[in-house]
């Protein structure tokens, strides 16, 4: 059950109704994050100039999936993770950073709030956002409170037929799906010293064949169960209401690339209420093994 999803534009991920079209540190000591436990991924290694080779080649993906016809389109492709396993009083906050015309800003107040309250989160970063915010990326990558995930290379809906979401044309074939996933996977692997575990496409739309390609590249496609900020279009009050309504095992999607919007203030209002209700917050890797 997707709360406020299908009818709410993911503006931070580009599209109509306020959504723009898109184009193409030092480590800190681990801290006891709320509900996070011992970090399950290593701190980033020094960037490497050595070539990073994905699990499969583009040619192999095209040969394997290029002639297949998709049967589904939306937020719930087969195998997509929409919620955490049956776990009581646990919520995963995820924040997308889309980059390009979809927004390359950095919501410092949002991240500072999470640090102050020691609330862990999974950050889905697009290649263009990383390029626009190298210093912020290095610090975030060095903090065990956060884990870095793959939000694509050009921030496109993931399709093998060019289907659109919110007015944004998706990848057109299996080869372009590979480019969208593997391009940023290679960048993140080089910067972090290890491959990202999770992928979310631009707009979070995906068809079933594209989802299989994500899996073939060694990542898990992550959707969401609660649309926390309506693609960075919600007011602080709307964010507070949407996020506070999250239940057991929810994966909440919000955005960290629009500091001018209501996400930070809404999260700052919602998190204390959820903590007071007995919820704890986790990174995806803390629950998805």
Protein backbone atom coordinates (compact mmCIF):
# COMPACT_ATOMS: atom_id res chain seq x y z
CA UNK A 1 0.00 0.00 0.00
CA UNK A 2 1.60 3.20 -1.19
CA UNK A 3 0.55 6.18 0.84
CA UNK A 4 -0.12 9.24 -1.31
CA UNK A 5 1.94 8.03 -4.23
CA UNK A 6 0.26 7.57 -7.59
CA UNK A 7 -1.49 10.94 -7.54
CA UNK A 8 1.35 12.92 -6.03
CA UNK A 9 4.13 14.17 -8.31
CA UNK A 10 7.66 13.33 -7.25
CA UNK A 11 8.80 16.87 -7.91
CA UNK A 12 12.27 16.48 -6.49
CA UNK A 13 12.56 13.76 -9.10
CA UNK A 14 11.35 15.98 -11.95
CA UNK A 15 8.08 16.12 -13.83
CA UNK A 16 5.04 18.38 -14.32
CA UNK A 17 3.04 20.26 -11.71
CA UNK A 18 6.02 21.97 -10.23
CA UNK A 19 8.46 19.29 -11.35
CA UNK A 20 11.09 20.36 -13.85
CA UNK A 21 12.37 18.26 -16.71
CA UNK A 22 15.81 16.78 -16.20
CA UNK A 23 18.95 16.03 -18.18
CA UNK A 24 21.32 14.32 -18.67
CA UNK A 25 36.25 13.86 3.95
CA UNK A 26 37.58 12.65 6.18
CA UNK A 27 35.91 9.79 7.98
CA UNK A 28 34.18 10.52 11.23
CA UNK A 29 34.18 8.19 14.18
CA UNK A 30 31.16 5.87 14.34
CA UNK A 31 28.38 7.10 16.55
CA UNK A 32 25.46 5.28 18.12
CA UNK A 33 22.67 6.21 15.74
CA UNK A 34 19.09 5.67 16.82
CA UNK A 35 18.23 2.13 15.83
CA UNK A 36 21.21 1.74 13.57
CA UNK A 37 23.48 -0.49 15.62
CA UNK A 38 26.94 -1.29 14.33
CA UNK A 39 27.53 0.08 10.83
CA UNK A 40 26.99 -2.70 8.28
CA UNK A 41 29.16 -1.19 5.58
CA UNK A 42 32.79 -0.09 5.71
CA UNK A 43 33.88 3.54 5.60
CA UNK A 44 34.78 4.77 2.13
CA UNK A 45 38.20 3.88 0.84
CA UNK A 46 40.36 6.44 -0.87
CA UNK A 47 39.15 7.09 -4.44
CA UNK A 48 40.80 4.73 -6.85
CA UNK A 49 41.92 5.25 -10.42
CA UNK A 50 41.72 1.52 -11.08
CA UNK A 51 38.99 0.55 -13.55
CA UNK A 52 35.71 -0.54 -11.98
CA UNK A 53 34.06 -3.35 -13.88
CA UNK A 54 30.32 -4.06 -13.36
CA UNK A 55 29.14 -7.62 -12.78
CA UNK A 56 27.96 -7.91 -16.38
CA UNK A 57 28.75 -6.02 -19.55
CA UNK A 58 26.41 -3.85 -21.57
CA UNK A 59 26.58 -6.32 -24.44
CA UNK A 60 25.58 -9.18 -22.15
CA UNK A 61 22.60 -7.19 -20.83
CA UNK A 62 21.43 -6.30 -24.34
CA UNK A 63 21.77 -9.92 -25.48
CA UNK A 64 19.89 -11.23 -22.45
CA UNK A 65 17.11 -8.66 -22.10
CA UNK A 66 17.01 -6.67 -25.35
CA UNK A 67 14.13 -8.61 -26.94
CA UNK A 68 11.97 -9.05 -23.86
CA UNK A 69 8.69 -7.15 -23.55
CA UNK A 70 7.76 -5.60 -20.18
CA UNK A 71 4.48 -6.50 -18.49
CA UNK A 72 4.43 -3.96 -15.66
CA UNK A 73 5.12 -0.26 -15.15
CA UNK A 74 5.04 1.73 -11.93
CA UNK A 75 6.39 1.77 -8.40
CA UNK A 76 5.99 -1.95 -7.73
CA UNK A 77 8.05 -3.87 -10.28
CA UNK A 78 8.53 -7.54 -9.35
CA UNK A 79 11.31 -7.81 -6.82
CA UNK A 80 11.22 -4.13 -5.89
CA UNK A 81 11.51 -3.48 -2.17
CA UNK A 82 8.54 -1.40 -1.02
CA UNK A 83 8.75 -2.02 2.71
CA UNK A 84 11.04 -3.53 5.30
CA UNK A 85 10.52 -7.12 6.42
CA UNK A 86 7.82 -7.62 9.04
CA UNK A 87 9.50 -5.60 11.77
CA UNK A 88 7.67 -3.75 14.51
CA UNK A 89 8.31 -0.08 15.29
CA UNK A 90 10.98 0.35 12.60
CA UNK A 91 11.00 2.96 9.82
CA UNK A 92 13.57 3.64 7.09
CA UNK A 93 13.98 7.26 6.01
CA UNK A 94 15.35 7.59 2.47
CA UNK A 95 16.29 10.85 0.79
CA UNK A 96 16.80 11.35 -2.95
CA UNK A 97 19.21 13.89 -4.43
CA UNK A 98 18.29 14.22 -8.08
CA UNK A 99 20.72 16.71 -9.59
CA UNK A 100 20.53 18.51 -12.93
CA UNK A 101 17.46 20.61 -13.67
CA UNK A 102 15.62 18.52 -11.09
CA UNK A 103 17.66 20.31 -8.43
CA UNK A 104 21.29 20.12 -7.36
CA UNK A 105 20.82 21.93 -4.07
CA UNK A 106 21.88 20.52 -0.72
CA UNK A 107 19.49 20.65 2.23
CA UNK A 108 22.08 21.25 4.93
CA UNK A 109 19.47 21.92 7.61
CA UNK A 110 17.84 18.55 6.97
CA UNK A 111 21.13 16.67 7.24
CA UNK A 112 22.18 18.68 10.30
CA UNK A 113 18.91 17.74 12.02
CA UNK A 114 19.49 14.05 11.32
CA UNK A 115 23.02 14.37 12.71
CA UNK A 116 21.86 16.18 15.84
CA UNK A 117 19.17 13.59 16.58
CA UNK A 118 21.42 10.72 15.43
CA UNK A 119 18.78 9.49 13.01
CA UNK A 120 20.22 7.15 10.35
CA UNK A 121 19.07 7.37 6.74
CA UNK A 122 19.76 6.00 3.27
CA UNK A 123 20.72 8.66 0.72
CA UNK A 124 19.98 7.96 -2.95
CA UNK A 125 22.41 10.19 -4.85
CA UNK A 126 22.35 10.91 -8.58
CA UNK A 127 25.61 11.21 -10.49
CA UNK A 128 24.93 14.86 -11.37
CA UNK A 129 24.23 15.78 -7.74
CA UNK A 130 27.54 14.22 -6.68
CA UNK A 131 29.37 16.27 -9.31
CA UNK A 132 27.69 19.46 -8.07
CA UNK A 133 28.34 18.77 -4.38
CA UNK A 134 31.73 17.02 -4.05
CA UNK A 135 32.57 18.29 -0.54
CA UNK A 136 29.14 17.41 0.84
CA UNK A 137 29.36 13.99 -0.77
CA UNK A 138 32.73 13.25 0.81
CA UNK A 139 31.49 14.12 4.28
CA UNK A 140 28.25 12.16 3.93
CA UNK A 141 30.10 9.14 2.57
CA UNK A 142 32.36 9.17 5.61
CA UNK A 143 29.57 9.13 8.20
CA UNK A 144 28.32 5.72 9.42
CA UNK A 145 25.00 7.40 10.24
CA UNK A 146 24.26 7.46 6.51
CA UNK A 147 24.57 4.97 3.70
CA UNK A 148 24.91 5.96 0.06
CA UNK A 149 22.73 4.40 -2.62
CA UNK A 150 22.47 4.72 -6.40
CA UNK A 151 19.92 7.19 -7.85
CA UNK A 152 21.04 6.81 -11.43
CA UNK A 153 23.26 8.59 -13.90
CA UNK A 154 20.84 10.95 -15.67
CA UNK A 155 17.87 10.50 -13.32
CA UNK A 156 15.53 8.80 -15.76
CA UNK A 157 12.54 6.50 -15.21
CA UNK A 158 13.75 2.95 -15.83
CA UNK A 159 12.08 1.49 -18.90
CA UNK A 160 13.13 -0.72 -21.81
CA UNK A 161 10.62 0.97 -24.15
CA UNK A 162 11.01 4.68 -23.39
CA UNK A 163 7.90 5.01 -21.23
CA UNK A 164 7.47 8.30 -19.41
CA UNK A 165 6.65 9.25 -15.83
CA UNK A 166 5.59 12.79 -14.86
CA UNK A 167 6.42 13.92 -18.40
CA UNK A 168 9.99 12.60 -18.25
CA UNK A 169 10.96 10.11 -20.96
CA UNK A 170 12.47 6.95 -19.58
CA UNK A 171 15.38 4.92 -20.84
CA UNK A 172 14.51 3.53 -24.28
CA UNK A 173 16.02 0.05 -24.29
CA UNK A 174 18.03 -2.47 -22.28
CA UNK A 175 21.30 -0.77 -23.18
CA UNK A 176 20.12 2.58 -21.86
CA UNK A 177 18.89 0.90 -18.66
CA UNK A 178 22.41 -0.46 -18.24
CA UNK A 179 23.90 3.00 -18.78
CA UNK A 180 21.56 4.59 -16.24
CA UNK A 181 22.35 2.07 -13.52
CA UNK A 182 25.96 1.16 -14.23
CA UNK A 183 27.21 4.69 -14.93
CA UNK A 184 26.54 5.87 -11.40
CA UNK A 185 27.37 2.47 -9.95
CA UNK A 186 30.88 2.78 -11.38
CA UNK A 187 31.22 6.34 -10.03
CA UNK A 188 30.05 5.39 -6.54
CA UNK A 189 32.21 2.26 -6.43
CA UNK A 190 35.26 4.31 -7.34
CA UNK A 191 34.48 7.01 -4.76
CA UNK A 192 33.35 4.76 -1.91
CA UNK A 193 35.68 1.82 -2.42
CA UNK A 194 32.72 -0.60 -2.54
CA UNK A 195 29.63 -0.98 -4.70
CA UNK A 196 26.27 0.48 -3.65
CA UNK A 197 23.70 -2.11 -2.65
CA UNK A 198 20.49 -0.26 -3.54
CA UNK A 199 19.11 1.54 -6.60
CA UNK A 200 16.12 3.83 -7.10
CA UNK A 201 15.35 5.26 -10.52
CA UNK A 202 14.45 8.84 -11.31
CA UNK A 203 10.74 9.26 -10.39
CA UNK A 204 10.94 5.73 -8.84
CA UNK A 205 9.16 4.30 -11.92
CA UNK A 206 10.43 1.00 -13.33
CA UNK A 207 9.22 -1.83 -15.55
CA UNK A 208 9.75 -5.50 -14.79
CA UNK A 209 12.51 -6.05 -17.38
CA UNK A 210 14.47 -3.02 -16.20
CA UNK A 211 14.13 -4.27 -12.62
CA UNK A 212 15.72 -7.56 -13.69
CA UNK A 213 18.63 -5.63 -15.18
CA UNK A 214 19.15 -3.82 -11.86
CA UNK A 215 19.34 -7.21 -10.16
CA UNK A 216 21.77 -8.52 -12.79
CA UNK A 217 24.03 -5.55 -11.97
CA UNK A 218 24.11 -6.61 -8.33
CA UNK A 219 21.78 -4.01 -6.83
CA UNK A 220 18.29 -4.15 -5.31
CA UNK A 221 15.60 -1.87 -6.68
CA UNK A 222 14.04 0.10 -3.82
CA UNK A 223 10.65 1.75 -4.13
CA UNK A 224 8.76 3.18 -1.14
CA UNK A 225 5.62 2.82 0.92
CA UNK A 226 5.20 6.42 2.13
CA UNK A 227 5.59 9.49 -0.07
CA UNK A 228 6.91 11.84 2.60
CA UNK A 229 7.27 15.11 0.71
CA UNK A 230 5.40 14.74 -2.58
CA UNK A 231 8.57 15.11 -4.57
CA UNK A 232 9.65 18.13 -2.52
CA UNK A 233 6.34 19.92 -3.17
CA UNK A 234 4.73 19.49 0.27
CA UNK A 235 4.53 22.21 2.87
CA UNK A 236 6.21 21.49 6.23
CA UNK A 237 2.81 20.59 7.66
CA UNK A 238 2.08 18.15 4.86
CA UNK A 239 5.48 16.52 5.31
CA UNK A 240 4.89 16.21 9.05
CA UNK A 241 1.48 14.61 8.50
CA UNK A 242 2.67 12.19 5.82
CA UNK A 243 5.78 11.03 7.68
CA UNK A 244 4.07 10.82 11.07
CA UNK A 245 1.50 8.47 9.51
CA UNK A 246 4.25 5.96 8.59
CA UNK A 247 3.76 2.56 10.15
CA UNK A 248 5.79 -0.54 10.96
CA UNK A 249 8.32 -1.34 8.27
CA UNK A 250 7.65 1.77 6.19
CA UNK A 251 10.17 3.02 3.65
CA UNK A 252 9.69 6.79 3.46
CA UNK A 253 10.81 8.70 0.38
CA UNK A 254 11.75 12.39 0.69
CA UNK A 255 14.27 14.70 -0.96
CA UNK A 256 17.48 16.38 0.14
CA UNK A 257 18.14 18.49 -2.96
CA UNK A 258 15.57 21.26 -2.39
CA UNK A 259 16.52 23.23 0.74
CA UNK A 260 13.99 25.90 -0.19
CA UNK A 261 11.05 23.51 0.22
CA UNK A 262 9.28 22.13 3.30
CA UNK A 263 11.08 18.81 3.73
CA UNK A 264 13.56 19.75 6.47
CA UNK A 265 11.03 21.46 8.71
CA UNK A 266 8.49 18.72 8.19
CA UNK A 267 11.00 15.98 9.05
CA UNK A 268 12.12 17.96 12.12
CA UNK A 269 8.52 17.99 13.30
CA UNK A 270 7.71 14.36 12.47
CA UNK A 271 10.78 12.53 13.80
CA UNK A 272 10.36 13.50 17.50
CA UNK A 273 6.73 12.38 17.37
CA UNK A 274 7.66 9.01 15.92
CA UNK A 275 10.47 8.54 18.44
CA UNK A 276 8.06 9.37 21.26
CA UNK A 277 5.70 6.72 19.86
CA UNK A 278 8.42 4.08 20.19
CA UNK A 279 9.65 3.94 16.60
CA UNK A 280 13.32 3.66 15.71
CA UNK A 281 14.97 4.59 12.45
CA UNK A 282 17.27 2.40 10.36
CA UNK A 283 19.26 2.44 7.17
CA UNK A 284 18.02 0.01 4.54
CA UNK A 285 21.04 -2.24 4.98
CA UNK A 286 20.25 -2.64 8.67
CA UNK A 287 17.08 -4.58 7.78
CA UNK A 288 17.64 -5.80 4.22
CA UNK A 289 20.34 -8.46 4.28
